[in-house]
Amino acid sequence: VGTMKNWTSFASLTLLLAASSVSGFLSGSAAFARSHAADLRPASIRTPARLRGGAVSMSSAKTIVEKDVDAVGDKLCDMVAAAATTAISEKGHFAFAIPGGSILNMLMGMNTKYADVDWSKATMAYVNHRCVPLDDETSTHHKARNKFLSQWQDKGLDVILLTGSTDADAEAAAYTKAMKDLPESILPRDAASGMPVFDMMLIGVGLDGHIGSLYPESSQVLEEKEWVVPRITDASSSISLTMPVIKAAKQIVVASAGKSEKYPEGKAVGMKRALSGSETPSSFPASALADCATWILDEGAA
């Protein structure tokens, strides 16, 4: 009997300790889950990561940070080649648009790294372009041909060109017509908006947030119906694809890296503003792409 009593007491004590352990485990698990809830959510809805300087990236899942400008250029070329391969495989043609500026230098890598791209099944437009003769030294087309474009054209690339006049209104109308004249097998249209749908849109960003020739607080940045708009100033005139056309692209890639005479300190300040969530398309046009573009930055811009 004494032994039975001892065994009963021991069993009761064991059950009591087990129940206490389970309760503690459940309580601890609940606390862990609460404290790590953000980490358990899918990446697309996690609280955005912070960039240096405290700015919050509203598109952290689509931000790629590379070591330097060369690495950014390599990544950009990788993405262009992949987009071209996919588009040609899926629908037989690749339609894309490029800006001027530093991205022209980055695209030079395509001719050595991806010399096998079938440019005969591709059409290229300019995101923006000055209204000058095409052989003018300030012409993006002239610069691109000297860097890489002449080789692409020799392989059959079709480039949507300006006429080479200084009349921005006429150039905008002509560029719109040139795009609209393309069959949808080459340049599809969005069923809802009627906007052209490029397979890829490459974008550069100025420190003031301008993309293409869409500048802060301008009427052009708010345009919703036109495909192309003119920008006329005393210094120079240009045309630009509109924000709806840019945002209609299947893939938008913003590339920002390096320092230059124009941007001696790099573009870190501009990138922080673009991704901060505190700007509007009117105050900082690049912010309109925060949640729909892939941003490739070097460590100095991140």
Protein backbone atom coordinates (compact mmCIF):
# COMPACT_ATOMS: atom_id res chain seq x y z
CA VAL A 1 0.00 0.00 0.00
CA GLY A 2 2.80 2.36 0.86
CA THR A 3 4.40 1.65 -2.46
CA MET A 4 1.09 2.28 -4.27
CA LYS A 5 0.68 5.63 -2.50
CA ASN A 6 4.21 6.65 -3.43
CA TRP A 7 3.61 5.67 -7.06
CA THR A 8 0.34 7.65 -7.16
CA SER A 9 2.02 10.71 -5.71
CA PHE A 10 4.85 10.41 -8.21
CA ALA A 11 2.41 10.07 -11.14
CA SER A 12 0.40 13.09 -9.98
CA LEU A 13 3.55 15.15 -9.68
CA THR A 14 4.65 14.07 -13.20
CA LEU A 15 1.30 15.06 -14.72
CA LEU A 16 1.40 18.41 -12.93
CA LEU A 17 4.90 19.13 -14.26
CA ALA A 18 3.92 18.07 -17.80
CA ALA A 19 0.87 20.32 -17.80
CA SER A 20 2.98 23.21 -16.59
CA SER A 21 5.53 22.60 -19.35
CA VAL A 22 2.85 22.47 -22.05
CA SER A 23 1.30 25.68 -20.77
CA GLY A 24 4.68 27.39 -20.76
CA PHE A 25 5.47 26.12 -24.25
CA LEU A 26 2.15 27.35 -25.65
CA SER A 27 2.57 30.71 -23.95
CA GLY A 28 6.12 31.01 -25.26
CA SER A 29 5.07 29.94 -28.77
CA ALA A 30 2.35 32.55 -28.86
CA ALA A 31 4.77 35.22 -27.77
CA PHE A 32 7.27 34.07 -30.40
CA ALA A 33 4.61 34.14 -33.12
CA ARG A 34 3.52 37.63 -32.11
CA SER A 35 7.08 38.94 -32.06
CA HIS A 36 7.94 37.34 -35.42
CA ALA A 37 4.65 37.88 -37.24
CA ALA A 38 6.25 40.18 -39.80
CA ASP A 39 8.86 37.54 -40.67
CA LEU A 40 6.17 34.88 -41.15
CA ARG A 41 4.22 36.92 -43.68
CA PRO A 42 4.99 36.48 -47.41
CA ALA A 43 7.85 38.67 -48.63
CA SER A 44 5.51 40.75 -50.78
CA ILE A 45 3.63 42.05 -47.74
CA ARG A 46 6.39 42.30 -45.19
CA THR A 47 7.12 45.63 -43.61
CA PRO A 48 9.50 47.29 -46.09
CA ALA A 49 13.18 47.26 -45.26
CA ARG A 50 14.91 50.53 -44.49
CA LEU A 51 17.45 52.03 -46.79
CA ARG A 52 20.46 53.86 -45.41
CA GLY A 53 19.59 57.17 -43.89
CA GLY A 54 16.21 55.94 -42.62
CA ALA A 55 14.20 56.06 -45.84
CA VAL A 56 11.76 53.19 -46.18
CA SER A 57 11.80 51.17 -49.39
CA MET A 58 8.21 50.69 -50.52
CA SER A 59 9.39 48.10 -53.06
CA SER A 60 12.09 46.29 -51.10
CA ALA A 61 11.19 42.94 -52.67
CA LYS A 62 12.03 44.44 -56.07
CA THR A 63 15.24 46.22 -55.12
CA ILE A 64 18.57 44.71 -56.17
CA VAL A 65 21.75 46.19 -54.72
CA GLU A 66 25.00 45.49 -56.58
CA LYS A 67 28.53 46.41 -55.59
CA ASP A 68 29.26 49.10 -58.17
CA VAL A 69 28.26 50.57 -61.51
CA ASP A 70 29.85 47.70 -63.45
CA ALA A 71 27.88 45.13 -61.49
CA VAL A 72 24.68 47.11 -62.02
CA GLY A 73 25.40 47.18 -65.74
CA ASP A 74 25.99 43.43 -65.80
CA LYS A 75 22.71 42.80 -64.00
CA LEU A 76 20.85 45.11 -66.36
CA CYS A 77 22.24 43.26 -69.39
CA ASP A 78 21.25 39.94 -67.81
CA MET A 79 17.69 41.17 -67.44
CA VAL A 80 17.48 42.58 -70.97
CA ALA A 81 18.77 39.34 -72.46
CA ALA A 82 16.34 37.28 -70.38
CA ALA A 83 13.39 39.51 -71.32
CA ALA A 84 14.31 39.31 -75.01
CA THR A 85 14.60 35.52 -74.92
CA THR A 86 11.27 35.15 -73.13
CA ALA A 87 9.35 37.56 -75.37
CA ILE A 88 10.71 36.07 -78.61
CA SER A 89 9.98 32.56 -77.36
CA GLU A 90 6.44 33.37 -76.23
CA LYS A 91 5.20 35.69 -78.96
CA GLY A 92 7.93 35.95 -81.57
CA HIS A 93 8.99 39.54 -80.89
CA PHE A 94 10.61 41.74 -78.24
CA ALA A 95 9.52 45.39 -77.84
CA PHE A 96 11.48 47.56 -75.47
CA ALA A 97 12.37 51.19 -74.74
CA ILE A 98 15.57 52.79 -73.49
CA PRO A 99 16.47 56.20 -72.05
CA GLY A 100 19.66 58.19 -72.48
CA GLY A 101 22.22 58.88 -69.79
CA SER A 102 24.30 56.29 -67.97
CA ILE A 103 22.13 53.37 -69.09
CA LEU A 104 23.64 53.77 -72.56
CA ASN A 105 27.03 52.88 -71.11
CA MET A 106 25.57 49.89 -69.27
CA LEU A 107 24.02 48.51 -72.46
CA MET A 108 27.41 48.37 -74.14
CA GLY A 109 27.94 45.11 -72.26
CA MET A 110 25.25 43.42 -74.34
CA ASN A 111 27.53 43.22 -77.38
CA THR A 112 30.13 41.11 -75.60
CA LYS A 113 28.09 39.21 -73.03
CA TYR A 114 24.99 38.50 -75.14
CA ALA A 115 26.10 38.69 -78.75
CA ASP A 116 23.61 35.96 -79.69
CA VAL A 117 20.42 37.97 -79.02
CA ASP A 118 18.25 37.85 -82.15
CA TRP A 119 17.81 41.57 -82.73
CA SER A 120 15.98 40.90 -86.00
CA LYS A 121 12.98 39.99 -83.83
CA ALA A 122 13.06 43.15 -81.73
CA THR A 123 11.78 46.73 -81.89
CA MET A 124 13.23 49.54 -79.79
CA ALA A 125 11.79 52.92 -78.84
CA TYR A 126 13.23 55.82 -76.90
CA VAL A 127 11.74 56.71 -73.52
CA ASN A 128 12.65 60.29 -74.32
CA HIS A 129 14.75 62.11 -76.87
CA ARG A 130 15.82 65.66 -77.63
CA CYS A 131 14.32 67.31 -80.68
CA VAL A 132 17.52 67.72 -82.62
CA PRO A 133 18.91 66.24 -85.84
CA LEU A 134 19.61 62.55 -85.26
CA ASP A 135 23.32 63.01 -85.96
CA ASP A 136 23.62 65.87 -83.45
CA GLU A 137 26.14 65.19 -80.69
CA THR A 138 23.41 65.65 -78.05
CA SER A 139 21.11 63.15 -79.77
CA THR A 140 20.56 59.98 -77.70
CA HIS A 141 20.27 58.05 -80.94
CA HIS A 142 23.67 59.31 -82.08
CA LYS A 143 25.25 58.41 -78.74
CA ALA A 144 23.62 54.98 -78.69
CA ARG A 145 24.79 54.17 -82.21
CA ASN A 146 28.36 54.97 -81.29
CA LYS A 147 28.20 52.79 -78.18
CA PHE A 148 26.21 49.70 -79.17
CA LEU A 149 23.17 50.40 -81.33
CA SER A 150 24.82 50.28 -84.75
CA GLN A 151 25.69 46.61 -84.11
CA TRP A 152 22.11 45.83 -83.06
CA GLN A 153 20.75 47.55 -86.15
CA ASP A 154 23.20 45.66 -88.35
CA LYS A 155 21.63 42.49 -86.95
CA GLY A 156 18.13 43.64 -87.87
CA LEU A 157 16.85 45.68 -84.90
CA ASP A 158 14.02 48.02 -85.81
CA VAL A 159 14.31 51.39 -84.06
CA ILE A 160 11.40 53.81 -83.81
CA LEU A 161 13.05 57.10 -84.74
CA LEU A 162 12.23 60.77 -84.51
CA THR A 163 12.23 62.69 -87.78
CA GLY A 164 15.14 64.87 -86.65
CA SER A 165 13.35 68.23 -86.47
CA THR A 166 13.40 70.77 -83.64
CA ASP A 167 9.59 70.97 -83.51
CA ALA A 168 8.63 69.12 -80.33
CA ASP A 169 4.89 69.17 -80.99
CA ALA A 170 5.36 67.70 -84.45
CA GLU A 171 7.86 65.14 -83.18
CA ALA A 172 5.49 63.98 -80.42
CA ALA A 173 2.68 63.52 -82.93
CA ALA A 174 4.97 61.70 -85.39
CA TYR A 175 6.36 59.41 -82.69
CA THR A 176 2.87 58.53 -81.49
CA LYS A 177 1.83 57.70 -85.06
CA ALA A 178 4.93 55.57 -85.61
CA MET A 179 4.04 53.46 -82.57
CA LYS A 180 0.35 53.24 -83.42
CA ASP A 181 1.22 52.10 -86.94
CA LEU A 182 2.94 49.01 -85.53
CA PRO A 183 0.77 45.88 -85.53
CA GLU A 184 -0.20 44.43 -82.17
CA SER A 185 1.94 41.40 -82.92
CA ILE A 186 4.90 43.78 -82.57
CA LEU A 187 3.57 46.24 -79.98
CA PRO A 188 0.48 44.92 -78.15
CA ARG A 189 -2.14 47.23 -76.64
CA ASP A 190 -3.62 47.05 -73.16
CA ALA A 191 -7.24 45.94 -73.49
CA ALA A 192 -8.51 48.32 -70.82
CA SER A 193 -6.48 51.48 -71.44
CA GLY A 194 -5.46 51.10 -75.07
CA MET A 195 -1.88 51.97 -74.11
CA PRO A 196 1.02 50.20 -75.85
CA VAL A 197 2.50 47.35 -73.86
CA PHE A 198 6.28 47.13 -74.16
CA ASP A 199 7.93 43.95 -72.94
CA MET A 200 10.57 45.99 -71.12
CA MET A 201 10.98 49.63 -70.17
CA LEU A 202 14.42 50.80 -69.00
CA ILE A 203 14.39 53.93 -66.86
CA GLY A 204 16.98 56.31 -65.45
CA VAL A 205 16.22 58.78 -62.67
CA GLY A 206 17.48 62.33 -62.14
CA LEU A 207 18.16 63.75 -58.68
CA ASP A 208 14.99 65.82 -59.01
CA GLY A 209 13.07 62.61 -59.73
CA HIS A 210 12.47 63.14 -63.43
CA ILE A 211 12.11 60.08 -65.62
CA GLY A 212 12.25 60.47 -69.37
CA SER A 213 11.30 64.10 -69.88
CA LEU A 214 8.63 63.99 -67.19
CA TYR A 215 9.75 66.61 -64.69
CA PRO A 216 8.39 67.52 -61.23
CA GLU A 217 5.34 69.78 -61.11
CA SER A 218 4.96 69.71 -64.89
CA SER A 219 1.80 69.12 -66.89
CA GLN A 220 3.54 66.32 -68.80
CA VAL A 221 3.93 64.12 -65.72
CA LEU A 222 0.16 64.20 -65.15
CA GLU A 223 -0.81 63.35 -68.73
CA GLU A 224 -3.15 60.35 -68.78
CA LYS A 225 -4.39 59.97 -72.37
CA GLU A 226 -1.53 60.68 -74.79
CA TRP A 227 1.23 58.21 -75.60
CA VAL A 228 3.90 60.85 -76.17
CA VAL A 229 4.20 64.43 -74.91
CA PRO A 230 6.43 67.33 -75.97
CA ARG A 231 8.51 69.28 -73.47
CA ILE A 232 9.49 72.73 -74.68
CA THR A 233 11.96 74.96 -72.84
CA ASP A 234 14.16 77.87 -73.80
CA ALA A 235 17.25 75.67 -73.55
CA SER A 236 16.03 72.65 -75.49
CA SER A 237 12.97 70.67 -76.45
CA SER A 238 12.29 66.97 -76.23
CA ILE A 239 9.58 64.34 -76.37
CA SER A 240 8.80 61.67 -73.81
CA LEU A 241 6.67 58.60 -73.37
CA THR A 242 3.97 59.36 -70.82
CA MET A 243 3.60 57.83 -67.39
CA PRO A 244 0.70 55.54 -68.46
CA VAL A 245 2.83 54.16 -71.31
CA ILE A 246 5.80 53.61 -69.00
CA LYS A 247 3.68 51.89 -66.37
CA ALA A 248 1.90 49.70 -68.92
CA ALA A 249 5.13 47.84 -69.73
CA LYS A 250 5.32 44.19 -68.69
CA GLN A 251 8.62 44.82 -66.96
CA ILE A 252 10.04 48.14 -65.76
CA VAL A 253 13.67 48.32 -64.70
CA VAL A 254 15.18 51.37 -63.04
CA ALA A 255 18.98 51.39 -63.00
CA SER A 256 20.95 53.89 -60.94
CA ALA A 257 24.65 53.70 -60.19
CA GLY A 258 27.94 55.54 -60.24
CA LYS A 259 29.00 59.15 -60.08
CA SER A 260 29.42 61.61 -62.92
CA GLU A 261 30.00 65.28 -63.65
CA LYS A 262 26.23 65.71 -63.57
CA TYR A 263 25.86 63.74 -60.32
CA PRO A 264 29.23 63.98 -58.47
CA GLU A 265 27.79 62.58 -55.26
CA GLY A 266 25.88 59.76 -56.92
CA LYS A 267 22.12 59.36 -56.69
CA ALA A 268 21.54 58.09 -53.16
CA VAL A 269 19.41 61.09 -52.17
CA GLY A 270 17.21 60.69 -55.23
CA MET A 271 16.72 56.97 -54.67
CA LYS A 272 15.74 57.49 -51.06
CA ARG A 273 13.13 60.04 -52.11
CA ALA A 274 11.79 57.80 -54.85
CA LEU A 275 11.31 54.86 -52.51
CA SER A 276 10.37 56.75 -49.35
CA GLY A 277 6.62 56.63 -49.83
CA SER A 278 6.38 60.32 -48.95
CA GLU A 279 6.45 61.72 -52.51
CA THR A 280 3.82 61.99 -55.22
CA PRO A 281 4.29 61.52 -58.98
CA SER A 282 3.96 65.27 -59.33
CA SER A 283 6.55 66.15 -56.67
CA PHE A 284 8.96 63.34 -57.58
CA PRO A 285 7.94 61.49 -60.78
CA ALA A 286 10.12 58.43 -60.15
CA SER A 287 8.06 57.64 -57.06
CA ALA A 288 5.25 56.51 -59.38
CA LEU A 289 7.36 53.46 -60.16
CA ALA A 290 8.19 52.53 -56.54
CA ASP A 291 5.81 49.59 -56.42
CA CYS A 292 5.88 48.41 -60.03
CA ALA A 293 9.53 48.51 -61.10
CA THR A 294 12.64 46.51 -60.33
CA TRP A 295 15.28 48.90 -58.98
CA ILE A 296 18.92 47.98 -59.60
CA LEU A 297 21.16 50.17 -57.45
CA ASP A 298 24.82 50.23 -56.55
CA GLU A 299 25.84 50.39 -52.90
CA GLY A 300 26.31 54.15 -53.19
CA ALA A 301 22.72 54.69 -54.33
CA ALA A 302 21.07 52.25 -51.91
